[in-house]
Amino acid sequence: MAKLKLDLHDIYNKGNIIDTELHRIITEAVKKKITLVEIIPGKGTGTLRKKVKRFLRQKEIRALYHRLEVDTKNHGRFFVHFRF
């Protein structure tokens, strides 16, 4: 199974770059028909996690993927599942 991974630790305080990277990874997954994207906002204060969730819940983004899963063992990690 092909998977893409986006770790946001290095850019956690750069809001505009975060949005760009989230768009890039979702677009790449759709274009290459990748079935799983792992996004790691980290645990921290929860601000970045909320930002990622808000991004993924946007109507036009939500239409692109099948299911969103929060890692049960590590709540600082999301799995975005695609179905093609």
N, C-alpha and C. Protein backbone atom coordinates (compact mmCIF):
# COMPACT_ATOMS: atom_id res chain seq x y z
N MET A 1 0.85 -1.18 0.00
CA MET A 1 0.00 0.00 0.00
C MET A 1 0.89 1.24 0.00
N ALA A 2 0.63 2.11 -0.93
CA ALA A 2 1.40 3.36 -1.01
C ALA A 2 0.88 4.35 0.03
N LYS A 3 1.81 5.10 0.61
CA LYS A 3 1.45 6.04 1.67
C LYS A 3 2.31 7.29 1.55
N LEU A 4 1.70 8.43 1.84
CA LEU A 4 2.44 9.69 1.92
C LEU A 4 2.46 10.13 3.37
N LYS A 5 3.50 10.86 3.74
CA LYS A 5 3.63 11.31 5.13
C LYS A 5 3.99 12.79 5.16
N LEU A 6 3.31 13.54 6.03
CA LEU A 6 3.60 14.96 6.20
C LEU A 6 3.80 15.22 7.69
N ASP A 7 5.03 15.54 8.07
CA ASP A 7 5.36 15.86 9.45
C ASP A 7 5.44 17.38 9.58
N LEU A 8 4.58 17.95 10.42
CA LEU A 8 4.49 19.40 10.54
C LEU A 8 5.35 19.96 11.68
N HIS A 9 6.13 19.15 12.34
CA HIS A 9 6.93 19.61 13.47
C HIS A 9 7.84 20.79 13.12
N ASP A 10 8.47 20.74 11.96
CA ASP A 10 9.44 21.77 11.59
C ASP A 10 8.80 23.11 11.19
N ILE A 11 7.52 23.08 10.84
CA ILE A 11 6.87 24.32 10.37
C ILE A 11 5.65 24.67 11.23
N TYR A 12 5.60 24.17 12.45
CA TYR A 12 4.41 24.33 13.31
C TYR A 12 3.97 25.77 13.51
N ASN A 13 4.89 26.73 13.41
CA ASN A 13 4.55 28.13 13.67
C ASN A 13 4.48 28.97 12.39
N LYS A 14 4.36 28.32 11.24
CA LYS A 14 4.31 29.03 9.96
C LYS A 14 2.98 28.71 9.27
N GLY A 15 1.92 29.39 9.69
CA GLY A 15 0.55 29.11 9.24
C GLY A 15 0.36 29.01 7.74
N ASN A 16 0.92 29.95 6.99
CA ASN A 16 0.72 29.94 5.54
C ASN A 16 1.41 28.75 4.89
N ILE A 17 2.56 28.36 5.40
CA ILE A 17 3.29 27.21 4.85
C ILE A 17 2.55 25.92 5.20
N ILE A 18 1.96 25.87 6.38
CA ILE A 18 1.20 24.68 6.80
C ILE A 18 0.05 24.43 5.82
N ASP A 19 -0.72 25.48 5.52
CA ASP A 19 -1.84 25.33 4.57
C ASP A 19 -1.34 24.88 3.20
N THR A 20 -0.24 25.46 2.75
CA THR A 20 0.33 25.08 1.46
C THR A 20 0.73 23.62 1.44
N GLU A 21 1.39 23.18 2.50
CA GLU A 21 1.84 21.78 2.59
C GLU A 21 0.66 20.81 2.68
N LEU A 22 -0.38 21.19 3.43
CA LEU A 22 -1.57 20.33 3.52
C LEU A 22 -2.24 20.20 2.15
N HIS A 23 -2.38 21.31 1.44
CA HIS A 23 -2.94 21.27 0.08
C HIS A 23 -2.08 20.39 -0.82
N ARG A 24 -0.76 20.57 -0.73
CA ARG A 24 0.16 19.82 -1.59
C ARG A 24 0.02 18.32 -1.37
N ILE A 25 -0.01 17.88 -0.13
CA ILE A 25 -0.02 16.45 0.16
C ILE A 25 -1.35 15.81 -0.25
N ILE A 26 -2.46 16.53 -0.03
CA ILE A 26 -3.77 16.00 -0.43
C ILE A 26 -3.87 15.93 -1.95
N THR A 27 -3.41 16.97 -2.63
CA THR A 27 -3.43 17.01 -4.10
C THR A 27 -2.56 15.89 -4.67
N GLU A 28 -1.38 15.71 -4.08
CA GLU A 28 -0.47 14.65 -4.54
C GLU A 28 -1.10 13.27 -4.37
N ALA A 29 -1.77 13.04 -3.25
CA ALA A 29 -2.41 11.75 -2.99
C ALA A 29 -3.49 11.48 -4.04
N VAL A 30 -4.29 12.48 -4.35
CA VAL A 30 -5.36 12.32 -5.34
C VAL A 30 -4.76 12.06 -6.72
N LYS A 31 -3.77 12.86 -7.08
CA LYS A 31 -3.14 12.75 -8.40
C LYS A 31 -2.48 11.39 -8.61
N LYS A 32 -1.80 10.90 -7.58
CA LYS A 32 -1.07 9.63 -7.69
C LYS A 32 -1.88 8.43 -7.21
N LYS A 33 -3.15 8.69 -6.83
CA LYS A 33 -4.04 7.64 -6.31
C LYS A 33 -3.42 6.89 -5.12
N ILE A 34 -2.88 7.66 -4.19
CA ILE A 34 -2.32 7.11 -2.96
C ILE A 34 -3.49 6.91 -1.99
N THR A 35 -3.57 5.77 -1.36
CA THR A 35 -4.75 5.47 -0.52
C THR A 35 -4.63 5.94 0.92
N LEU A 36 -3.42 6.31 1.36
CA LEU A 36 -3.26 6.72 2.76
C LEU A 36 -2.26 7.86 2.88
N VAL A 37 -2.66 8.89 3.62
CA VAL A 37 -1.77 10.00 3.95
C VAL A 37 -1.70 10.10 5.46
N GLU A 38 -0.49 10.11 5.98
CA GLU A 38 -0.26 10.27 7.42
C GLU A 38 0.16 11.72 7.65
N ILE A 39 -0.57 12.42 8.52
CA ILE A 39 -0.25 13.80 8.84
C ILE A 39 0.09 13.86 10.33
N ILE A 40 1.25 14.41 10.64
CA ILE A 40 1.72 14.47 12.03
C ILE A 40 1.82 15.92 12.48
N PRO A 41 0.77 16.41 13.16
CA PRO A 41 0.86 17.76 13.71
C PRO A 41 1.56 17.75 15.08
N GLY A 42 1.69 16.59 15.68
CA GLY A 42 2.28 16.48 17.01
C GLY A 42 1.24 16.71 18.08
N LYS A 43 1.63 16.54 19.31
CA LYS A 43 0.70 16.67 20.43
C LYS A 43 0.63 18.11 20.91
N GLY A 44 1.68 18.63 21.45
CA GLY A 44 1.76 20.04 21.85
C GLY A 44 0.53 20.56 22.56
N THR A 45 0.15 21.79 22.24
CA THR A 45 -0.99 22.43 22.89
C THR A 45 -2.31 22.04 22.23
N GLY A 46 -2.25 21.46 21.06
CA GLY A 46 -3.46 21.07 20.33
C GLY A 46 -3.87 22.07 19.27
N THR A 47 -3.21 23.22 19.24
CA THR A 47 -3.56 24.27 18.27
C THR A 47 -3.34 23.79 16.84
N LEU A 48 -2.20 23.19 16.57
CA LEU A 48 -1.89 22.73 15.22
C LEU A 48 -2.81 21.56 14.83
N ARG A 49 -3.10 20.68 15.78
CA ARG A 49 -4.02 19.57 15.53
C ARG A 49 -5.40 20.11 15.10
N LYS A 50 -5.87 21.14 15.80
CA LYS A 50 -7.17 21.75 15.46
C LYS A 50 -7.12 22.39 14.08
N LYS A 51 -6.00 23.03 13.77
CA LYS A 51 -5.84 23.68 12.46
C LYS A 51 -5.91 22.62 11.34
N VAL A 52 -5.24 21.49 11.55
CA VAL A 52 -5.24 20.42 10.55
C VAL A 52 -6.67 19.87 10.40
N LYS A 53 -7.35 19.65 11.51
CA LYS A 53 -8.73 19.15 11.45
C LYS A 53 -9.64 20.13 10.71
N ARG A 54 -9.50 21.42 10.99
CA ARG A 54 -10.30 22.44 10.30
C ARG A 54 -10.04 22.40 8.79
N PHE A 55 -8.76 22.28 8.44
CA PHE A 55 -8.40 22.20 7.02
C PHE A 55 -9.07 20.99 6.37
N LEU A 56 -8.97 19.84 7.02
CA LEU A 56 -9.51 18.60 6.45
C LEU A 56 -11.03 18.59 6.39
N ARG A 57 -11.68 19.39 7.21
CA ARG A 57 -13.15 19.44 7.24
C ARG A 57 -13.74 20.44 6.25
N GLN A 58 -12.89 21.21 5.56
CA GLN A 58 -13.39 22.13 4.54
C GLN A 58 -14.12 21.32 3.46
N LYS A 59 -15.24 21.83 3.03
CA LYS A 59 -16.10 21.10 2.09
C LYS A 59 -15.34 20.58 0.87
N GLU A 60 -14.53 21.43 0.24
CA GLU A 60 -13.84 21.03 -1.00
C GLU A 60 -12.74 20.00 -0.73
N ILE A 61 -12.14 20.04 0.46
CA ILE A 61 -11.11 19.06 0.83
C ILE A 61 -11.78 17.75 1.24
N ARG A 62 -12.84 17.86 2.03
CA ARG A 62 -13.57 16.68 2.51
C ARG A 62 -14.07 15.83 1.35
N ALA A 63 -14.42 16.46 0.26
CA ALA A 63 -14.93 15.75 -0.92
C ALA A 63 -13.86 14.86 -1.57
N LEU A 64 -12.59 15.11 -1.27
CA LEU A 64 -11.49 14.39 -1.91
C LEU A 64 -11.13 13.07 -1.23
N TYR A 65 -11.38 12.97 0.07
CA TYR A 65 -10.97 11.76 0.78
C TYR A 65 -12.17 10.99 1.32
N HIS A 66 -11.91 9.75 1.69
CA HIS A 66 -12.96 8.84 2.13
C HIS A 66 -13.20 8.90 3.63
N ARG A 67 -12.11 8.89 4.41
CA ARG A 67 -12.25 8.78 5.87
C ARG A 67 -11.05 9.39 6.58
N LEU A 68 -11.32 10.01 7.73
CA LEU A 68 -10.27 10.58 8.57
C LEU A 68 -10.20 9.78 9.86
N GLU A 69 -8.99 9.40 10.24
CA GLU A 69 -8.81 8.58 11.44
C GLU A 69 -7.74 9.22 12.33
N VAL A 70 -8.02 9.30 13.62
CA VAL A 70 -7.02 9.75 14.59
C VAL A 70 -6.36 8.50 15.14
N ASP A 71 -5.04 8.48 15.16
CA ASP A 71 -4.31 7.33 15.68
C ASP A 71 -4.70 7.12 17.15
N THR A 72 -5.18 5.94 17.48
CA THR A 72 -5.63 5.67 18.85
C THR A 72 -4.47 5.58 19.84
N LYS A 73 -3.30 5.27 19.35
CA LYS A 73 -2.12 5.16 20.23
C LYS A 73 -1.33 6.46 20.32
N ASN A 74 -1.57 7.37 19.36
CA ASN A 74 -0.83 8.63 19.31
C ASN A 74 -1.75 9.71 18.76
N HIS A 75 -2.40 10.48 19.63
CA HIS A 75 -3.39 11.46 19.16
C HIS A 75 -2.75 12.64 18.43
N GLY A 76 -1.43 12.64 18.28
CA GLY A 76 -0.73 13.66 17.52
C GLY A 76 -0.51 13.25 16.07
N ARG A 77 -1.35 12.30 15.60
CA ARG A 77 -1.17 11.79 14.24
C ARG A 77 -2.54 11.46 13.63
N PHE A 78 -2.73 11.87 12.38
CA PHE A 78 -3.96 11.59 11.64
C PHE A 78 -3.65 10.70 10.46
N PHE A 79 -4.62 9.87 10.11
CA PHE A 79 -4.55 9.10 8.87
C PHE A 79 -5.72 9.52 7.99
N VAL A 80 -5.41 9.94 6.78
CA VAL A 80 -6.44 10.33 5.83
C VAL A 80 -6.51 9.22 4.78
N HIS A 81 -7.67 8.58 4.71
CA HIS A 81 -7.85 7.44 3.80
C HIS A 81 -8.57 7.90 2.54
N PHE A 82 -8.06 7.44 1.41
CA PHE A 82 -8.65 7.75 0.10
C PHE A 82 -9.16 6.47 -0.53
N ARG A 83 -10.21 6.59 -1.33
CA ARG A 83 -10.75 5.44 -2.06
C ARG A 83 -10.86 5.84 -3.53
N PHE A 84 -10.24 5.04 -4.38
CA PHE A 84 -10.26 5.36 -5.83
C PHE A 84 -10.91 4.26 -6.61
